[in-house]
Amino acid sequence: MPSQVSPSSRNVPRLSVVHAPAPSQSRLTLLARAALVRLWLVCLSGFALAGALLALLPVIWRRAPVGRRLHPPRREARVIPLAPPRRANHS
């Protein structure tokens, strides 16, 4: 028995099943590309680490204290006593 479609739903777009396209590359080629990308990322990480160490080399070379004061602390301030208050002369 054929199903009847109402006139109002004739223009409604219907979803259709779309199959994924077949891969144009073989699994071995994809694995090789993934391995090359991983090797490239390891190389870039190595370059970044070398650059960071090179940037920190002057600090290591001078043995600069990190997190401590470079200058000796100041002497404590002396408290100078004020002269006693004088009474005003009302003439």
N, C-alpha and C. Protein backbone atom coordinates (compact mmCIF):
# COMPACT_ATOMS: atom_id res chain seq x y z
N MET A 1 0.83 -1.16 0.00
CA MET A 1 0.00 0.00 0.00
C MET A 1 0.89 1.24 0.00
N PRO A 2 0.83 2.08 -0.99
CA PRO A 2 1.68 3.27 -1.05
C PRO A 2 1.25 4.30 -0.01
N SER A 3 2.24 4.96 0.54
CA SER A 3 1.94 5.97 1.56
C SER A 3 1.63 7.30 0.88
N GLN A 4 0.71 7.99 1.46
CA GLN A 4 0.31 9.29 0.91
C GLN A 4 1.12 10.38 1.59
N VAL A 5 1.62 11.33 0.80
CA VAL A 5 2.37 12.46 1.31
C VAL A 5 1.44 13.66 1.25
N SER A 6 1.35 14.36 2.37
CA SER A 6 0.47 15.51 2.38
C SER A 6 1.04 16.61 1.48
N PRO A 7 0.22 17.44 0.90
CA PRO A 7 0.70 18.49 -0.02
C PRO A 7 1.64 19.48 0.64
N SER A 8 1.49 19.71 1.95
CA SER A 8 2.35 20.70 2.59
C SER A 8 3.78 20.18 2.82
N SER A 9 3.97 18.86 2.81
CA SER A 9 5.30 18.34 3.09
C SER A 9 6.04 17.93 1.83
N ARG A 10 5.51 18.23 0.67
CA ARG A 10 6.19 17.85 -0.57
C ARG A 10 7.47 18.65 -0.80
N ASN A 11 7.51 19.88 -0.33
CA ASN A 11 8.68 20.72 -0.57
C ASN A 11 9.71 20.66 0.56
N VAL A 12 9.48 19.82 1.55
CA VAL A 12 10.41 19.70 2.67
C VAL A 12 11.59 18.85 2.21
N PRO A 13 12.81 19.35 2.40
CA PRO A 13 13.97 18.55 1.98
C PRO A 13 14.12 17.32 2.88
N ARG A 14 14.48 16.23 2.28
CA ARG A 14 14.66 14.98 3.00
C ARG A 14 16.16 14.71 3.18
N LEU A 15 16.50 14.16 4.34
CA LEU A 15 17.89 13.79 4.59
C LEU A 15 18.19 12.49 3.87
N SER A 16 19.33 12.45 3.26
CA SER A 16 19.71 11.22 2.59
C SER A 16 21.03 10.73 3.19
N VAL A 17 21.29 9.48 3.07
CA VAL A 17 22.51 8.88 3.59
C VAL A 17 23.64 9.19 2.62
N VAL A 18 24.68 9.80 3.14
CA VAL A 18 25.83 10.11 2.31
C VAL A 18 27.00 9.28 2.83
N HIS A 19 27.58 8.50 1.98
CA HIS A 19 28.70 7.66 2.37
C HIS A 19 29.99 8.47 2.32
N ALA A 20 30.89 8.19 3.24
CA ALA A 20 32.18 8.88 3.25
C ALA A 20 32.97 8.44 2.03
N PRO A 21 33.69 9.38 1.44
CA PRO A 21 34.48 9.00 0.27
C PRO A 21 35.60 8.04 0.67
N ALA A 22 35.94 7.20 -0.23
CA ALA A 22 37.02 6.25 0.03
C ALA A 22 38.33 7.01 0.17
N PRO A 23 39.18 6.63 1.11
CA PRO A 23 40.45 7.35 1.28
C PRO A 23 41.31 7.22 0.02
N SER A 24 41.89 8.34 -0.36
CA SER A 24 42.70 8.32 -1.57
C SER A 24 44.10 7.79 -1.30
N GLN A 25 44.45 7.65 -0.01
CA GLN A 25 45.78 7.15 0.33
C GLN A 25 45.63 5.86 1.11
N SER A 26 46.60 5.02 1.00
CA SER A 26 46.55 3.76 1.71
C SER A 26 46.85 3.98 3.19
N ARG A 27 46.54 2.99 3.98
CA ARG A 27 46.77 3.08 5.43
C ARG A 27 48.26 3.22 5.72
N LEU A 28 49.08 2.55 4.94
CA LEU A 28 50.53 2.63 5.14
C LEU A 28 51.04 4.05 4.88
N THR A 29 50.50 4.70 3.85
CA THR A 29 50.90 6.08 3.54
C THR A 29 50.48 7.01 4.67
N LEU A 30 49.28 6.81 5.21
CA LEU A 30 48.81 7.66 6.30
C LEU A 30 49.66 7.47 7.56
N LEU A 31 50.03 6.23 7.84
CA LEU A 31 50.89 5.96 9.00
C LEU A 31 52.27 6.60 8.82
N ALA A 32 52.79 6.55 7.60
CA ALA A 32 54.09 7.17 7.33
C ALA A 32 54.01 8.68 7.51
N ARG A 33 52.91 9.28 7.03
CA ARG A 33 52.75 10.72 7.21
C ARG A 33 52.62 11.09 8.67
N ALA A 34 51.89 10.29 9.44
CA ALA A 34 51.74 10.55 10.87
C ALA A 34 53.08 10.44 11.58
N ALA A 35 53.90 9.47 11.18
CA ALA A 35 55.23 9.32 11.78
C ALA A 35 56.11 10.52 11.45
N LEU A 36 56.03 11.00 10.23
CA LEU A 36 56.82 12.18 9.85
C LEU A 36 56.38 13.42 10.61
N VAL A 37 55.09 13.58 10.81
CA VAL A 37 54.58 14.73 11.56
C VAL A 37 55.04 14.64 13.01
N ARG A 38 55.00 13.45 13.59
CA ARG A 38 55.47 13.27 14.96
C ARG A 38 56.96 13.60 15.07
N LEU A 39 57.76 13.14 14.10
CA LEU A 39 59.19 13.45 14.10
C LEU A 39 59.43 14.95 13.97
N TRP A 40 58.64 15.60 13.13
CA TRP A 40 58.77 17.04 12.94
C TRP A 40 58.43 17.80 14.24
N LEU A 41 57.40 17.36 14.95
CA LEU A 41 57.04 18.00 16.21
C LEU A 41 58.11 17.78 17.28
N VAL A 42 58.72 16.62 17.29
CA VAL A 42 59.81 16.37 18.23
C VAL A 42 60.99 17.28 17.91
N CYS A 43 61.29 17.47 16.64
CA CYS A 43 62.39 18.37 16.25
C CYS A 43 62.08 19.81 16.66
N LEU A 44 60.84 20.25 16.42
CA LEU A 44 60.48 21.61 16.80
C LEU A 44 60.55 21.80 18.31
N SER A 45 60.15 20.79 19.06
CA SER A 45 60.24 20.87 20.52
C SER A 45 61.70 20.95 20.96
N GLY A 46 62.55 20.20 20.30
CA GLY A 46 63.99 20.26 20.61
C GLY A 46 64.56 21.64 20.32
N PHE A 47 64.16 22.23 19.20
CA PHE A 47 64.63 23.59 18.88
C PHE A 47 64.13 24.60 19.90
N ALA A 48 62.90 24.44 20.34
CA ALA A 48 62.34 25.36 21.34
C ALA A 48 63.09 25.22 22.67
N LEU A 49 63.40 23.99 23.06
CA LEU A 49 64.15 23.77 24.30
C LEU A 49 65.55 24.35 24.19
N ALA A 50 66.20 24.15 23.05
CA ALA A 50 67.54 24.70 22.85
C ALA A 50 67.51 26.23 22.88
N GLY A 51 66.48 26.83 22.30
CA GLY A 51 66.36 28.28 22.33
C GLY A 51 66.15 28.81 23.74
N ALA A 52 65.35 28.11 24.52
CA ALA A 52 65.12 28.54 25.91
C ALA A 52 66.40 28.43 26.72
N LEU A 53 67.14 27.34 26.54
CA LEU A 53 68.41 27.19 27.26
C LEU A 53 69.42 28.23 26.81
N LEU A 54 69.43 28.54 25.54
CA LEU A 54 70.35 29.57 25.04
C LEU A 54 70.00 30.94 25.61
N ALA A 55 68.71 31.22 25.77
CA ALA A 55 68.30 32.50 26.34
C ALA A 55 68.67 32.58 27.82
N LEU A 56 68.66 31.45 28.53
CA LEU A 56 69.00 31.45 29.95
C LEU A 56 70.49 31.28 30.21
N LEU A 57 71.27 31.07 29.17
CA LEU A 57 72.70 30.84 29.35
C LEU A 57 73.42 31.98 30.07
N PRO A 58 73.14 33.27 29.79
CA PRO A 58 73.83 34.33 30.54
C PRO A 58 73.55 34.28 32.04
N VAL A 59 72.36 33.90 32.42
CA VAL A 59 72.03 33.81 33.85
C VAL A 59 72.83 32.68 34.49
N ILE A 60 72.94 31.57 33.79
CA ILE A 60 73.69 30.43 34.31
C ILE A 60 75.19 30.76 34.32
N TRP A 61 75.66 31.43 33.29
CA TRP A 61 77.09 31.72 33.16
C TRP A 61 77.57 32.64 34.28
N ARG A 62 76.80 33.68 34.59
CA ARG A 62 77.22 34.64 35.63
C ARG A 62 76.90 34.13 37.02
N ARG A 63 76.18 33.05 37.12
CA ARG A 63 75.74 32.51 38.39
C ARG A 63 74.99 33.57 39.19
N ALA A 64 74.16 34.29 38.49
CA ALA A 64 73.39 35.34 39.14
C ALA A 64 72.41 34.70 40.12
N PRO A 65 72.30 35.29 41.29
CA PRO A 65 71.35 34.72 42.25
C PRO A 65 69.93 34.94 41.75
N VAL A 66 69.17 33.92 41.76
CA VAL A 66 67.79 34.00 41.32
C VAL A 66 66.91 33.99 42.55
N GLY A 67 66.10 35.02 42.69
CA GLY A 67 65.19 35.09 43.81
C GLY A 67 65.78 35.71 45.05
N ARG A 68 67.03 36.15 44.99
CA ARG A 68 67.65 36.81 46.14
C ARG A 68 68.05 38.23 45.75
N ARG A 69 68.34 39.04 46.74
CA ARG A 69 68.72 40.43 46.46
C ARG A 69 70.12 40.49 45.89
N LEU A 70 70.30 41.36 44.92
CA LEU A 70 71.63 41.53 44.35
C LEU A 70 72.45 42.51 45.17
N HIS A 71 71.81 43.45 45.85
CA HIS A 71 72.51 44.46 46.63
C HIS A 71 72.34 44.15 48.11
N PRO A 72 73.34 44.54 48.91
CA PRO A 72 73.16 44.33 50.35
C PRO A 72 72.02 45.20 50.87
N PRO A 73 71.37 44.78 51.93
CA PRO A 73 70.26 45.59 52.44
C PRO A 73 70.74 46.92 52.98
N ARG A 74 69.87 47.92 52.94
CA ARG A 74 70.22 49.24 53.45
C ARG A 74 70.38 49.21 54.96
N ARG A 75 71.13 50.20 55.44
CA ARG A 75 71.23 50.34 56.89
C ARG A 75 69.89 50.80 57.42
N GLU A 76 69.66 50.46 58.66
CA GLU A 76 68.40 50.89 59.25
C GLU A 76 68.42 52.40 59.43
N ALA A 77 67.28 52.99 59.26
CA ALA A 77 67.17 54.45 59.41
C ALA A 77 67.28 54.81 60.89
N ARG A 78 68.01 55.89 61.15
CA ARG A 78 68.12 56.36 62.53
C ARG A 78 66.96 57.30 62.83
N VAL A 79 66.48 57.21 64.01
CA VAL A 79 65.40 58.11 64.43
C VAL A 79 66.05 59.32 65.08
N ILE A 80 65.84 60.48 64.51
CA ILE A 80 66.40 61.71 65.07
C ILE A 80 65.34 62.32 65.97
N PRO A 81 65.66 62.48 67.24
CA PRO A 81 64.65 63.03 68.15
C PRO A 81 64.39 64.50 67.84
N LEU A 82 63.13 64.88 67.96
CA LEU A 82 62.75 66.27 67.71
C LEU A 82 63.07 67.10 68.94
N ALA A 83 63.38 68.38 68.70
CA ALA A 83 63.63 69.30 69.82
C ALA A 83 62.32 69.48 70.58
N PRO A 84 62.41 69.68 71.89
CA PRO A 84 61.17 69.87 72.64
C PRO A 84 60.43 71.11 72.14
N PRO A 85 59.15 71.10 72.17
CA PRO A 85 58.38 72.24 71.66
C PRO A 85 58.64 73.50 72.51
N ARG A 86 58.77 74.65 71.83
CA ARG A 86 58.99 75.91 72.53
C ARG A 86 57.69 76.65 72.66
N ARG A 87 57.59 77.39 73.73
CA ARG A 87 56.38 78.17 73.94
C ARG A 87 56.47 79.44 73.14
N ALA A 88 55.38 79.85 72.61
CA ALA A 88 55.33 81.09 71.84
C ALA A 88 55.33 82.27 72.79
N ASN A 89 56.08 83.33 72.44
CA ASN A 89 56.11 84.57 73.25
C ASN A 89 54.98 85.48 72.80
N HIS A 90 54.06 85.76 73.70
CA HIS A 90 52.99 86.69 73.36
C HIS A 90 53.33 88.04 73.96
N SER A 91 53.70 88.98 73.16
CA SER A 91 54.06 90.29 73.69
C SER A 91 53.02 91.32 73.41
